[in-house]
Amino acid sequence: MTGNLSSALAECDAALIATPTSDLREVLGRVRATRFEQPVVWACKGFERASGKLAHQVAADVLGKPAACGALSGPSFALEVARGLPTALTLAAGNAEFAKRLARELHQRTLRVYFSTDLAGVEISGAVKNVMAIAAGISDGLGLGMNARAALITRGLAELTRLGVAMGGRSETFMGLAGAGDLILTCTGELSRNRRVGLLLARGESLEAILKELGHVAEGVYSAPSIEALAAERRIDMPITRAVCAVLFRGIRPRDAVQELLARDPREEA
């Protein structure tokens, strides 16, 4: 155990960065300064607040475009991984051989790691599902029931898929671990910080007080504006995302946001 990055990396065959997305750029810069030449993988899920960029875009800014880097994502609460409970993840990288090799190296008895070359799709899934988890927490906090939660998760997956495909992701990615799997876990799990934000919003607490109480980063809060802006720019309909942003940043009461969603005209399911 060491607090010195250079010393830690000197003994590593790969670096796994598990920081909030807002800290990724700084940490990658520090890694680059050590002249580390082994694979670099990140486990953060969200858009960088200042730039609106995904993690792989931040990595390209800092590291260039090395073949040996990628994202580790999927339905996983860190506490359960640390306890050795069964977990399945996706290792995504632009280089297929690298993704396959590193997935095998990370694979453990209770940690099943799949690989993918859909880096954009995996990262968009990880970012958008956090916003949907805030919505699920609001729904649960208002006592709207399990039917409402199931509908929200399903329509949330539709929003995630629409944006993801428009940004170059593959539709099958959004049905997999990084997409539907992580969405379901984050919207239903008691360990979900983003769902917790929604629960407390539904109880009338302010966002400032909620974030102070959490003591940890809830990525959905910071990713939501970037996602809403991308949807508007690309003319993609994301009503749940808009509703969450309205509650977080525009002073709309959670119950009023729900009523607005329910009042939308019926349409063909897509």
Protein backbone atom coordinates (compact mmCIF):
# COMPACT_ATOMS: atom_id res chain seq x y z
CA MET A 1 0.00 0.00 0.00
CA THR A 2 1.36 3.40 -0.98
CA GLY A 3 0.12 6.94 -1.47
CA ASN A 4 2.79 7.64 -4.06
CA LEU A 5 1.51 7.25 -7.61
CA SER A 6 4.93 6.74 -9.22
CA SER A 7 5.82 4.00 -6.75
CA ALA A 8 2.47 2.29 -7.23
CA LEU A 9 2.67 2.34 -11.03
CA ALA A 10 6.25 1.07 -11.04
CA GLU A 11 4.98 -2.31 -9.85
CA CYS A 12 1.87 -2.46 -12.06
CA ASP A 13 1.09 -4.37 -15.25
CA ALA A 14 -1.99 -2.15 -15.72
CA ALA A 15 -3.62 0.87 -14.08
CA LEU A 16 -7.29 0.84 -13.12
CA ILE A 17 -8.57 4.34 -12.35
CA ALA A 18 -11.69 4.39 -10.15
CA THR A 19 -12.33 8.08 -9.55
CA PRO A 20 -15.29 10.37 -10.19
CA THR A 21 -15.37 11.50 -13.83
CA SER A 22 -14.52 15.04 -12.71
CA ASP A 23 -11.14 13.83 -11.42
CA LEU A 24 -10.22 11.63 -14.38
CA ARG A 25 -8.39 14.31 -16.38
CA GLU A 26 -6.13 15.21 -13.45
CA VAL A 27 -5.35 11.58 -12.60
CA LEU A 28 -4.59 10.70 -16.22
CA GLY A 29 -2.26 13.68 -16.38
CA ARG A 30 -0.41 12.41 -13.32
CA VAL A 31 -0.21 8.93 -14.85
CA ARG A 32 1.17 10.36 -18.07
CA ALA A 33 3.78 12.35 -16.15
CA THR A 34 5.21 9.09 -14.74
CA ARG A 35 5.75 7.82 -18.31
CA PHE A 36 3.64 4.77 -17.52
CA GLU A 37 3.51 2.55 -20.62
CA GLN A 38 1.17 -0.25 -19.46
CA PRO A 39 -2.59 -0.48 -20.13
CA VAL A 40 -4.83 2.17 -18.56
CA VAL A 41 -8.47 1.38 -17.75
CA TRP A 42 -11.04 3.61 -16.05
CA ALA A 43 -14.19 2.68 -14.14
CA CYS A 44 -15.88 6.09 -13.93
CA LYS A 45 -19.34 6.58 -15.42
CA GLY A 46 -20.45 9.99 -16.58
CA PHE A 47 -19.75 13.12 -18.59
CA GLU A 48 -17.00 15.49 -17.49
CA ARG A 49 -18.82 18.47 -16.03
CA ALA A 50 -16.61 21.22 -17.48
CA SER A 51 -16.28 19.89 -21.04
CA GLY A 52 -19.31 17.61 -21.47
CA LYS A 53 -16.97 14.86 -22.68
CA LEU A 54 -17.12 11.13 -22.02
CA ALA A 55 -14.21 9.41 -20.29
CA HIS A 56 -12.63 8.07 -23.47
CA GLN A 57 -12.69 11.57 -24.97
CA VAL A 58 -10.97 12.93 -21.86
CA ALA A 59 -8.38 10.15 -22.16
CA ALA A 60 -7.77 11.05 -25.79
CA ASP A 61 -7.17 14.67 -24.75
CA VAL A 62 -4.61 13.67 -22.14
CA LEU A 63 -3.01 10.51 -23.49
CA GLY A 64 -3.54 10.86 -27.21
CA LYS A 65 -5.16 7.75 -28.66
CA PRO A 66 -3.17 4.78 -27.34
CA ALA A 67 -4.38 1.29 -28.25
CA ALA A 68 -3.99 0.01 -24.69
CA CYS A 69 -6.76 1.83 -22.85
CA GLY A 70 -10.44 1.30 -22.22
CA ALA A 71 -13.45 1.42 -19.89
CA LEU A 72 -14.62 -1.13 -17.33
CA SER A 73 -18.36 -0.85 -16.78
CA GLY A 74 -21.51 -2.78 -15.95
CA PRO A 75 -23.85 -3.52 -13.02
CA SER A 76 -21.55 -3.34 -10.01
CA PHE A 77 -21.71 -1.83 -6.56
CA ALA A 78 -18.14 -1.51 -5.31
CA LEU A 79 -19.05 -2.84 -1.87
CA GLU A 80 -20.29 -6.13 -3.32
CA VAL A 81 -17.25 -6.47 -5.58
CA ALA A 82 -15.00 -5.91 -2.57
CA ARG A 83 -16.88 -8.62 -0.67
CA GLY A 84 -16.24 -11.08 -3.48
CA LEU A 85 -19.89 -11.43 -4.48
CA PRO A 86 -20.57 -12.58 -8.06
CA THR A 87 -20.39 -9.72 -10.58
CA ALA A 88 -20.32 -9.49 -14.38
CA LEU A 89 -18.75 -6.52 -16.19
CA THR A 90 -17.82 -5.34 -19.67
CA LEU A 91 -14.33 -4.21 -20.68
CA ALA A 92 -14.67 -1.89 -23.68
CA ALA A 93 -11.85 -0.63 -25.86
CA GLY A 94 -11.38 0.48 -29.43
CA ASN A 95 -8.77 -2.23 -29.99
CA ALA A 96 -10.46 -5.64 -30.07
CA GLU A 97 -7.35 -7.69 -29.25
CA PHE A 98 -6.54 -5.48 -26.30
CA ALA A 99 -10.11 -5.66 -24.99
CA LYS A 100 -10.15 -9.44 -25.27
CA ARG A 101 -6.74 -9.88 -23.63
CA LEU A 102 -7.38 -7.57 -20.70
CA ALA A 103 -10.84 -8.98 -20.09
CA ARG A 104 -9.22 -12.40 -19.67
CA GLU A 105 -6.61 -11.00 -17.30
CA LEU A 106 -9.23 -9.29 -15.12
CA HIS A 107 -11.50 -12.33 -15.09
CA GLN A 108 -11.72 -13.92 -11.63
CA ARG A 109 -13.67 -16.68 -9.90
CA THR A 110 -16.46 -14.28 -8.85
CA LEU A 111 -15.79 -11.56 -11.43
CA ARG A 112 -16.89 -12.43 -14.95
CA VAL A 113 -15.55 -9.96 -17.52
CA TYR A 114 -16.87 -9.75 -21.08
CA PHE A 115 -15.26 -7.61 -23.76
CA SER A 116 -16.57 -5.14 -26.33
CA THR A 117 -15.26 -2.72 -28.93
CA ASP A 118 -18.23 -0.37 -28.46
CA LEU A 119 -16.46 2.10 -26.18
CA ALA A 120 -18.90 4.94 -26.87
CA GLY A 121 -21.96 2.76 -26.28
CA VAL A 122 -20.64 1.39 -23.00
CA GLU A 123 -19.74 4.84 -21.68
CA ILE A 124 -23.01 6.48 -22.75
CA SER A 125 -24.87 3.69 -20.96
CA GLY A 126 -22.90 4.30 -17.79
CA ALA A 127 -23.64 8.02 -17.88
CA VAL A 128 -27.33 8.00 -18.77
CA LYS A 129 -28.34 5.21 -16.37
CA ASN A 130 -27.36 7.44 -13.44
CA VAL A 131 -29.87 10.09 -14.53
CA MET A 132 -32.56 7.42 -14.84
CA ALA A 133 -31.71 6.23 -11.32
CA ILE A 134 -32.47 9.71 -9.98
CA ALA A 135 -35.85 9.49 -11.71
CA ALA A 136 -36.44 6.02 -10.23
CA GLY A 137 -35.62 7.35 -6.77
CA ILE A 138 -38.12 10.17 -7.22
CA SER A 139 -40.77 7.67 -8.30
CA ASP A 140 -40.08 5.40 -5.32
CA GLY A 141 -39.88 8.36 -2.94
CA LEU A 142 -43.30 9.54 -4.04
CA GLY A 143 -44.71 6.05 -3.48
CA LEU A 144 -45.74 5.56 -7.11
CA GLY A 145 -45.30 1.80 -6.96
CA MET A 146 -43.48 -0.97 -8.77
CA ASN A 147 -45.52 -0.62 -11.97
CA ALA A 148 -44.30 2.95 -12.32
CA ARG A 149 -40.72 1.95 -11.61
CA ALA A 150 -40.81 -0.79 -14.26
CA ALA A 151 -42.27 1.63 -16.81
CA LEU A 152 -39.66 4.23 -15.97
CA ILE A 153 -36.78 1.77 -16.36
CA THR A 154 -38.15 0.56 -19.70
CA ARG A 155 -38.69 4.02 -21.10
CA GLY A 156 -35.38 5.10 -19.63
CA LEU A 157 -33.71 2.34 -21.60
CA ALA A 158 -35.42 3.68 -24.73
CA GLU A 159 -33.98 7.15 -24.06
CA LEU A 160 -30.54 5.75 -23.39
CA THR A 161 -30.64 3.74 -26.61
CA ARG A 162 -31.81 6.65 -28.76
CA LEU A 163 -28.98 8.87 -27.57
CA GLY A 164 -26.41 6.08 -27.64
CA VAL A 165 -27.14 5.04 -31.22
CA ALA A 166 -27.09 8.69 -32.33
CA MET A 167 -23.62 9.01 -30.79
CA GLY A 168 -22.27 5.96 -32.55
CA GLY A 169 -23.05 3.20 -30.08
CA ARG A 170 -24.39 -0.20 -31.14
CA SER A 171 -27.96 -1.06 -30.22
CA GLU A 172 -26.98 -4.47 -28.79
CA THR A 173 -24.71 -2.77 -26.25
CA PHE A 174 -27.70 -1.10 -24.63
CA MET A 175 -29.40 -4.47 -24.11
CA GLY A 176 -26.32 -5.87 -22.36
CA LEU A 177 -24.54 -5.56 -19.03
CA ALA A 178 -23.37 -1.98 -19.49
CA GLY A 179 -26.82 -0.88 -20.67
CA ALA A 180 -29.89 -2.68 -19.33
CA GLY A 181 -27.93 -4.49 -16.63
CA ASP A 182 -26.45 -1.39 -15.05
CA LEU A 183 -29.68 0.57 -15.53
CA ILE A 184 -31.72 -2.03 -13.64
CA LEU A 185 -29.23 -2.26 -10.79
CA THR A 186 -28.84 1.49 -10.34
CA CYS A 187 -32.59 2.13 -10.48
CA THR A 188 -33.47 -0.56 -7.92
CA GLY A 189 -30.45 -1.14 -5.66
CA GLU A 190 -30.38 0.25 -2.14
CA LEU A 191 -26.66 1.05 -2.56
CA SER A 192 -27.30 3.40 -5.48
CA ARG A 193 -26.25 6.97 -4.67
CA ASN A 194 -28.16 8.36 -7.66
CA ARG A 195 -31.37 6.62 -6.62
CA ARG A 196 -30.79 8.01 -3.13
CA VAL A 197 -30.67 11.53 -4.58
CA GLY A 198 -34.09 10.96 -6.14
CA LEU A 199 -35.55 9.54 -2.92
CA LEU A 200 -34.45 12.61 -0.96
CA LEU A 201 -35.65 15.03 -3.64
CA ALA A 202 -39.08 13.41 -3.43
CA ARG A 203 -39.06 14.08 0.32
CA GLY A 204 -38.56 17.78 -0.33
CA GLU A 205 -34.88 18.10 0.53
CA SER A 206 -32.74 20.56 -1.41
CA LEU A 207 -30.10 19.33 -3.83
CA GLU A 208 -27.39 21.15 -1.89
CA ALA A 209 -28.37 19.43 1.36
CA ILE A 210 -28.63 16.05 -0.35
CA LEU A 211 -25.16 16.20 -1.87
CA LYS A 212 -23.70 17.31 1.45
CA GLU A 213 -25.42 14.41 3.23
CA LEU A 214 -24.25 11.84 0.68
CA GLY A 215 -20.59 12.67 1.11
CA HIS A 216 -19.91 10.94 -2.22
CA VAL A 217 -20.29 11.95 -5.84
CA ALA A 218 -23.64 11.15 -7.47
CA GLU A 219 -22.58 11.23 -11.12
CA GLY A 220 -26.11 11.61 -12.46
CA VAL A 221 -26.41 15.10 -11.01
CA TYR A 222 -23.40 16.32 -12.98
CA SER A 223 -24.05 14.33 -16.16
CA ALA A 224 -27.70 15.34 -16.53
CA PRO A 225 -27.07 18.81 -18.06
CA SER A 226 -24.63 17.38 -20.63
CA ILE A 227 -27.09 14.67 -21.60
CA GLU A 228 -29.97 17.14 -21.91
CA ALA A 229 -27.82 19.42 -24.06
CA LEU A 230 -26.72 16.56 -26.33
CA ALA A 231 -30.34 15.45 -26.76
CA ALA A 232 -31.42 18.98 -27.69
CA GLU A 233 -28.51 19.39 -30.10
CA ARG A 234 -29.32 16.12 -31.85
CA ARG A 235 -33.12 16.55 -31.59
CA ILE A 236 -33.53 13.37 -29.59
CA ASP A 237 -36.61 13.04 -27.41
CA MET A 238 -35.54 12.38 -23.80
CA PRO A 239 -38.50 13.42 -21.61
CA ILE A 240 -37.32 11.63 -18.47
CA THR A 241 -33.94 13.34 -18.68
CA ARG A 242 -35.66 16.72 -19.14
CA ALA A 243 -37.86 16.05 -16.13
CA VAL A 244 -34.88 15.17 -13.95
CA CYS A 245 -33.06 18.33 -15.03
CA ALA A 246 -36.17 20.38 -14.30
CA VAL A 247 -36.25 19.04 -10.74
CA LEU A 248 -32.50 19.34 -10.18
CA PHE A 249 -31.88 22.76 -11.67
CA ARG A 250 -35.10 24.58 -12.54
CA GLY A 251 -37.07 24.44 -9.32
CA ILE A 252 -39.82 22.10 -10.54
CA ARG A 253 -41.38 20.00 -7.78
CA PRO A 254 -40.89 16.22 -8.23
CA ARG A 255 -44.62 15.51 -8.22
CA ASP A 256 -45.24 18.18 -10.86
CA ALA A 257 -42.49 16.72 -13.06
CA VAL A 258 -44.14 13.31 -12.80
CA GLN A 259 -47.55 14.73 -13.71
CA GLU A 260 -46.03 16.41 -16.76
CA LEU A 261 -44.57 13.09 -17.92
CA LEU A 262 -47.89 11.31 -17.41
CA ALA A 263 -49.75 14.02 -19.36
CA ARG A 264 -47.75 13.40 -22.54
CA ASP A 265 -49.83 12.30 -25.53
CA PRO A 266 -49.98 8.54 -26.23
CA ARG A 267 -47.80 7.33 -29.07
CA GLU A 268 -46.48 4.19 -30.70
CA GLU A 269 -43.98 2.38 -28.50
CA ALA A 270 -40.49 2.55 -29.98
